[in-house]
Amino acid sequence: MTPSSSAPNPSNDPRVVLVGVDFGPGSSFDPTLDELALLAESAGDQPVAKVTAKRRAPDAALF
């Protein structure tokens, strides 16, 4: 798949978008996305954006 608009990628590392869903109180959301970013970097990927959403509860139709 070719992106319709691409930013320069001098390192040629795969670029990834991190996606997280916040289920409200009791979930440590930001540290989890930070850890995901570190894991992606250690795998040789380049995180370029974080997308977040809020839900009251998990919905099986969306997973």
PDB file of N, CA and C in Angstrom:
ATOM      1  N   MET A   1       0.855  -1.169   0.000  1.00  0.00           N
ATOM      2  CA  MET A   1       0.000   0.000   0.000  1.00  0.00           C
ATOM      3  C   MET A   1       0.897   1.227   0.000  1.00  0.00           C
ATOM      4  N   THR A   2       0.622   2.148  -0.867  1.00  0.00           N
ATOM      5  CA  THR A   2       1.390   3.378  -0.967  1.00  0.00           C
ATOM      6  C   THR A   2       0.611   4.514  -0.322  1.00  0.00           C
ATOM      7  N   PRO A   3       1.226   5.221   0.651  1.00  0.00           N
ATOM      8  CA  PRO A   3       0.517   6.342   1.271  1.00  0.00           C
ATOM      9  C   PRO A   3       0.267   7.453   0.258  1.00  0.00           C
ATOM     10  N   SER A   4      -0.850   8.156   0.412  1.00  0.00           N
ATOM     11  CA  SER A   4      -1.176   9.231  -0.517  1.00  0.00           C
ATOM     12  C   SER A   4      -0.256  10.431  -0.330  1.00  0.00           C
ATOM     13  N   SER A   5       0.194  10.659   0.877  1.00  0.00           N
ATOM     14  CA  SER A   5       1.190  11.696   1.126  1.00  0.00           C
ATOM     15  C   SER A   5       2.193  11.130   2.110  1.00  0.00           C
ATOM     16  N   SER A   6       3.451  11.275   1.800  1.00  0.00           N
ATOM     17  CA  SER A   6       4.448  10.684   2.678  1.00  0.00           C
ATOM     18  C   SER A   6       5.446  11.737   3.127  1.00  0.00           C
ATOM     19  N   ALA A   7       5.841  11.602   4.371  1.00  0.00           N
ATOM     20  CA  ALA A   7       6.868  12.469   4.930  1.00  0.00           C
ATOM     21  C   ALA A   7       8.220  11.834   4.638  1.00  0.00           C
ATOM     22  N   PRO A   8       9.260  12.638   4.588  1.00  0.00           N
ATOM     23  CA  PRO A   8      10.592  12.073   4.373  1.00  0.00           C
ATOM     24  C   PRO A   8      10.929  11.049   5.453  1.00  0.00           C
ATOM     25  N   ASN A   9      11.556   9.974   5.055  1.00  0.00           N
ATOM     26  CA  ASN A   9      11.944   8.915   5.979  1.00  0.00           C
ATOM     27  C   ASN A   9      13.398   8.548   5.694  1.00  0.00           C
ATOM     28  N   PRO A  10      14.336   9.398   6.164  1.00  0.00           N
ATOM     29  CA  PRO A  10      15.741   9.189   5.813  1.00  0.00           C
ATOM     30  C   PRO A  10      16.320   7.877   6.329  1.00  0.00           C
ATOM     31  N   SER A  11      15.785   7.336   7.423  1.00  0.00           N
ATOM     32  CA  SER A  11      16.351   6.111   7.976  1.00  0.00           C
ATOM     33  C   SER A  11      15.805   4.861   7.303  1.00  0.00           C
ATOM     34  N   ASN A  12      14.728   4.996   6.526  1.00  0.00           N
ATOM     35  CA  ASN A  12      14.073   3.861   5.871  1.00  0.00           C
ATOM     36  C   ASN A  12      13.538   2.823   6.848  1.00  0.00           C
ATOM     37  N   ASP A  13      13.421   3.162   8.124  1.00  0.00           N
ATOM     38  CA  ASP A  13      12.782   2.270   9.088  1.00  0.00           C
ATOM     39  C   ASP A  13      11.281   2.268   8.820  1.00  0.00           C
ATOM     40  N   PRO A  14      10.624   1.140   9.034  1.00  0.00           N
ATOM     41  CA  PRO A  14       9.165   1.134   8.889  1.00  0.00           C
ATOM     42  C   PRO A  14       8.536   2.138   9.853  1.00  0.00           C
ATOM     43  N   ARG A  15       7.614   2.934   9.344  1.00  0.00           N
ATOM     44  CA  ARG A  15       6.919   3.913  10.176  1.00  0.00           C
ATOM     45  C   ARG A  15       5.618   3.296  10.673  1.00  0.00           C
ATOM     46  N   VAL A  16       5.319   3.513  11.949  1.00  0.00           N
ATOM     47  CA  VAL A  16       4.125   2.919  12.547  1.00  0.00           C
ATOM     48  C   VAL A  16       3.312   3.977  13.277  1.00  0.00           C
ATOM     49  N   VAL A  17       2.014   3.751  13.339  1.00  0.00           N
ATOM     50  CA  VAL A  17       1.100   4.575  14.121  1.00  0.00           C
ATOM     51  C   VAL A  17       0.667   3.732  15.306  1.00  0.00           C
ATOM     52  N   LEU A  18       0.839   4.267  16.508  1.00  0.00           N
ATOM     53  CA  LEU A  18       0.449   3.556  17.722  1.00  0.00           C
ATOM     54  C   LEU A  18      -0.993   3.908  18.059  1.00  0.00           C
ATOM     55  N   VAL A  19      -1.799   2.898  18.352  1.00  0.00           N
ATOM     56  CA  VAL A  19      -3.219   3.095  18.632  1.00  0.00           C
ATOM     57  C   VAL A  19      -3.521   2.561  20.016  1.00  0.00           C
ATOM     58  N   GLY A  20      -4.219   3.370  20.823  1.00  0.00           N
ATOM     59  CA  GLY A  20      -4.594   2.951  22.168  1.00  0.00           C
ATOM     60  C   GLY A  20      -6.030   3.317  22.471  1.00  0.00           C
ATOM     61  N   VAL A  21      -6.659   2.503  23.309  1.00  0.00           N
ATOM     62  CA  VAL A  21      -8.036   2.758  23.733  1.00  0.00           C
ATOM     63  C   VAL A  21      -8.042   2.912  25.245  1.00  0.00           C
ATOM     64  N   ASP A  22      -8.571   4.037  25.712  1.00  0.00           N
ATOM     65  CA  ASP A  22      -8.654   4.353  27.142  1.00  0.00           C
ATOM     66  C   ASP A  22     -10.021   3.904  27.650  1.00  0.00           C
ATOM     67  N   PHE A  23     -10.010   2.946  28.593  1.00  0.00           N
ATOM     68  CA  PHE A  23     -11.255   2.441  29.160  1.00  0.00           C
ATOM     69  C   PHE A  23     -11.596   3.103  30.485  1.00  0.00           C
ATOM     70  N   GLY A  24     -11.006   4.248  30.767  1.00  0.00           N
ATOM     71  CA  GLY A  24     -11.388   5.022  31.935  1.00  0.00           C
ATOM     72  C   GLY A  24     -10.514   4.781  33.147  1.00  0.00           C
ATOM     73  N   PRO A  25     -11.050   5.143  34.327  1.00  0.00           N
ATOM     74  CA  PRO A  25     -10.278   5.051  35.567  1.00  0.00           C
ATOM     75  C   PRO A  25      -9.736   3.639  35.797  1.00  0.00           C
ATOM     76  N   GLY A  26      -8.545   3.600  36.332  1.00  0.00           N
ATOM     77  CA  GLY A  26      -7.944   2.317  36.655  1.00  0.00           C
ATOM     78  C   GLY A  26      -7.047   1.768  35.560  1.00  0.00           C
ATOM     79  N   SER A  27      -7.050   2.402  34.405  1.00  0.00           N
ATOM     80  CA  SER A  27      -6.158   1.930  33.349  1.00  0.00           C
ATOM     81  C   SER A  27      -4.977   2.890  33.247  1.00  0.00           C
ATOM     82  N   SER A  28      -3.782   2.331  33.270  1.00  0.00           N
ATOM     83  CA  SER A  28      -2.577   3.155  33.130  1.00  0.00           C
ATOM     84  C   SER A  28      -2.300   3.302  31.638  1.00  0.00           C
ATOM     85  N   PHE A  29      -2.908   4.293  31.053  1.00  0.00           N
ATOM     86  CA  PHE A  29      -2.972   4.434  29.605  1.00  0.00           C
ATOM     87  C   PHE A  29      -1.692   5.000  28.994  1.00  0.00           C
ATOM     88  N   ASP A  30      -1.254   6.171  29.423  1.00  0.00           N
ATOM     89  CA  ASP A  30      -0.081   6.809  28.819  1.00  0.00           C
ATOM     90  C   ASP A  30       1.198   5.985  28.978  1.00  0.00           C
ATOM     91  N   PRO A  31       1.470   5.438  30.168  1.00  0.00           N
ATOM     92  CA  PRO A  31       2.682   4.615  30.283  1.00  0.00           C
ATOM     93  C   PRO A  31       2.650   3.392  29.362  1.00  0.00           C
ATOM     94  N   THR A  32       1.465   2.866  29.107  1.00  0.00           N
ATOM     95  CA  THR A  32       1.344   1.711  28.225  1.00  0.00           C
ATOM     96  C   THR A  32       1.698   2.086  26.790  1.00  0.00           C
ATOM     97  N   LEU A  33       1.223   3.244  26.328  1.00  0.00           N
ATOM     98  CA  LEU A  33       1.577   3.690  24.972  1.00  0.00           C
ATOM     99  C   LEU A  33       3.061   4.035  24.868  1.00  0.00           C
ATOM    100  N   ASP A  34       3.619   4.582  25.941  1.00  0.00           N
ATOM    101  CA  ASP A  34       5.056   4.878  25.946  1.00  0.00           C
ATOM    102  C   ASP A  34       5.861   3.584  25.830  1.00  0.00           C
ATOM    103  N   GLU A  35       5.422   2.547  26.552  1.00  0.00           N
ATOM    104  CA  GLU A  35       6.104   1.255  26.475  1.00  0.00           C
ATOM    105  C   GLU A  35       5.965   0.658  25.071  1.00  0.00           C
ATOM    106  N   LEU A  36       4.786   0.793  24.483  1.00  0.00           N
ATOM    107  CA  LEU A  36       4.576   0.297  23.123  1.00  0.00           C
ATOM    108  C   LEU A  36       5.513   1.005  22.143  1.00  0.00           C
ATOM    109  N   ALA A  37       5.715   2.304  22.330  1.00  0.00           N
ATOM    110  CA  ALA A  37       6.632   3.054  21.470  1.00  0.00           C
ATOM    111  C   ALA A  37       8.058   2.524  21.609  1.00  0.00           C
ATOM    112  N   LEU A  38       8.479   2.245  22.837  1.00  0.00           N
ATOM    113  CA  LEU A  38       9.822   1.701  23.053  1.00  0.00           C
ATOM    114  C   LEU A  38       9.970   0.322  22.420  1.00  0.00           C
ATOM    115  N   LEU A  39       8.930  -0.508  22.532  1.00  0.00           N
ATOM    116  CA  LEU A  39       8.973  -1.836  21.913  1.00  0.00           C
ATOM    117  C   LEU A  39       9.053  -1.724  20.390  1.00  0.00           C
ATOM    118  N   ALA A  40       8.301  -0.794  19.830  1.00  0.00           N
ATOM    119  CA  ALA A  40       8.338  -0.596  18.382  1.00  0.00           C
ATOM    120  C   ALA A  40       9.731  -0.158  17.937  1.00  0.00           C
ATOM    121  N   GLU A  41      10.324   0.769  18.681  1.00  0.00           N
ATOM    122  CA  GLU A  41      11.669   1.242  18.341  1.00  0.00           C
ATOM    123  C   GLU A  41      12.692   0.119  18.448  1.00  0.00           C
ATOM    124  N   SER A  42      12.563  -0.718  19.477  1.00  0.00           N
ATOM    125  CA  SER A  42      13.521  -1.814  19.637  1.00  0.00           C
ATOM    126  C   SER A  42      13.370  -2.856  18.530  1.00  0.00           C
ATOM    127  N   ALA A  43      12.197  -2.905  17.889  1.00  0.00           N
ATOM    128  CA  ALA A  43      11.974  -3.817  16.768  1.00  0.00           C
ATOM    129  C   ALA A  43      12.402  -3.193  15.441  1.00  0.00           C
ATOM    130  N   GLY A  44      12.891  -1.950  15.492  1.00  0.00           N
ATOM    131  CA  GLY A  44      13.361  -1.284  14.285  1.00  0.00           C
ATOM    132  C   GLY A  44      12.318  -0.429  13.597  1.00  0.00           C
ATOM    133  N   ASP A  45      11.191  -0.203  14.259  1.00  0.00           N
ATOM    134  CA  ASP A  45      10.140   0.635  13.687  1.00  0.00           C
ATOM    135  C   ASP A  45      10.284   2.067  14.187  1.00  0.00           C
ATOM    136  N   GLN A  46       9.694   2.997  13.456  1.00  0.00           N
ATOM    137  CA  GLN A  46       9.749   4.411  13.818  1.00  0.00           C
ATOM    138  C   GLN A  46       8.328   4.901  14.109  1.00  0.00           C
ATOM    139  N   PRO A  47       7.954   5.036  15.404  1.00  0.00           N
ATOM    140  CA  PRO A  47       6.623   5.572  15.720  1.00  0.00           C
ATOM    141  C   PRO A  47       6.510   7.016  15.234  1.00  0.00           C
ATOM    142  N   VAL A  48       5.467   7.299  14.463  1.00  0.00           N
ATOM    143  CA  VAL A  48       5.290   8.639  13.920  1.00  0.00           C
ATOM    144  C   VAL A  48       4.059   9.338  14.476  1.00  0.00           C
ATOM    145  N   ALA A  49       3.152   8.586  15.091  1.00  0.00           N
ATOM    146  CA  ALA A  49       1.937   9.200  15.642  1.00  0.00           C
ATOM    147  C   ALA A  49       1.306   8.266  16.663  1.00  0.00           C
ATOM    148  N   LYS A  50       0.522   8.882  17.554  1.00  0.00           N
ATOM    149  CA  LYS A  50      -0.280   8.124  18.516  1.00  0.00           C
ATOM    150  C   LYS A  50      -1.732   8.528  18.313  1.00  0.00           C
ATOM    151  N   VAL A  51      -2.594   7.535  18.211  1.00  0.00           N
ATOM    152  CA  VAL A  51      -4.025   7.768  18.066  1.00  0.00           C
ATOM    153  C   VAL A  51      -4.697   7.157  19.282  1.00  0.00           C
ATOM    154  N   THR A  52      -5.543   7.946  19.947  1.00  0.00           N
ATOM    155  CA  THR A  52      -6.216   7.438  21.139  1.00  0.00           C
ATOM    156  C   THR A  52      -7.723   7.618  21.023  1.00  0.00           C
ATOM    157  N   ALA A  53      -8.426   6.761  21.727  1.00  0.00           N
ATOM    158  CA  ALA A  53      -9.882   6.836  21.781  1.00  0.00           C
ATOM    159  C   ALA A  53     -10.322   6.498  23.194  1.00  0.00           C
ATOM    160  N   LYS A  54     -11.494   6.971  23.576  1.00  0.00           N
ATOM    161  CA  LYS A  54     -12.042   6.660  24.894  1.00  0.00           C
ATOM    162  C   LYS A  54     -13.306   5.832  24.720  1.00  0.00           C
ATOM    163  N   ARG A  55     -13.416   4.793  25.524  1.00  0.00           N
ATOM    164  CA  ARG A  55     -14.599   3.943  25.540  1.00  0.00           C
ATOM    165  C   ARG A  55     -14.938   3.641  26.992  1.00  0.00           C
ATOM    166  N   ARG A  56     -16.215   3.425  27.272  1.00  0.00           N
ATOM    167  CA  ARG A  56     -16.602   3.055  28.640  1.00  0.00           C
ATOM    168  C   ARG A  56     -16.213   1.626  28.960  1.00  0.00           C
ATOM    169  N   ALA A  57     -16.307   0.749  27.979  1.00  0.00           N
ATOM    170  CA  ALA A  57     -15.993  -0.669  28.178  1.00  0.00           C
ATOM    171  C   ALA A  57     -15.566  -1.266  26.845  1.00  0.00           C
ATOM    172  N   PRO A  58     -14.841  -2.380  26.892  1.00  0.00           N
ATOM    173  CA  PRO A  58     -14.480  -3.044  25.637  1.00  0.00           C
ATOM    174  C   PRO A  58     -15.730  -3.511  24.895  1.00  0.00           C
ATOM    175  N   ASP A  59     -15.685  -3.463  23.583  1.00  0.00           N
ATOM    176  CA  ASP A  59     -16.794  -3.910  22.746  1.00  0.00           C
ATOM    177  C   ASP A  59     -16.248  -4.955  21.780  1.00  0.00           C
ATOM    178  N   ALA A  60     -16.736  -6.177  21.889  1.00  0.00           N
ATOM    179  CA  ALA A  60     -16.228  -7.278  21.068  1.00  0.00           C
ATOM    180  C   ALA A  60     -16.346  -6.986  19.575  1.00  0.00           C
ATOM    181  N   ALA A  61     -17.298  -6.182  19.178  1.00  0.00           N
ATOM    182  CA  ALA A  61     -17.475  -5.863  17.762  1.00  0.00           C
ATOM    183  C   ALA A  61     -16.321  -5.032  17.208  1.00  0.00           C
ATOM    184  N   LEU A  62     -15.564  -4.388  18.081  1.00  0.00           N
ATOM    185  CA  LEU A  62     -14.481  -3.513  17.636  1.00  0.00           C
ATOM    186  C   LEU A  62     -13.102  -4.150  17.743  1.00  0.00           C
ATOM    187  N   PHE A  63     -13.024  -5.372  18.262  1.00  0.00           N
ATOM    188  CA  PHE A  63     -11.713  -6.000  18.443  1.00  0.00           C
ATOM    189  C   PHE A  63     -11.501  -7.134  17.488  1.00  0.00           C
TER     190      PHE A  63
END
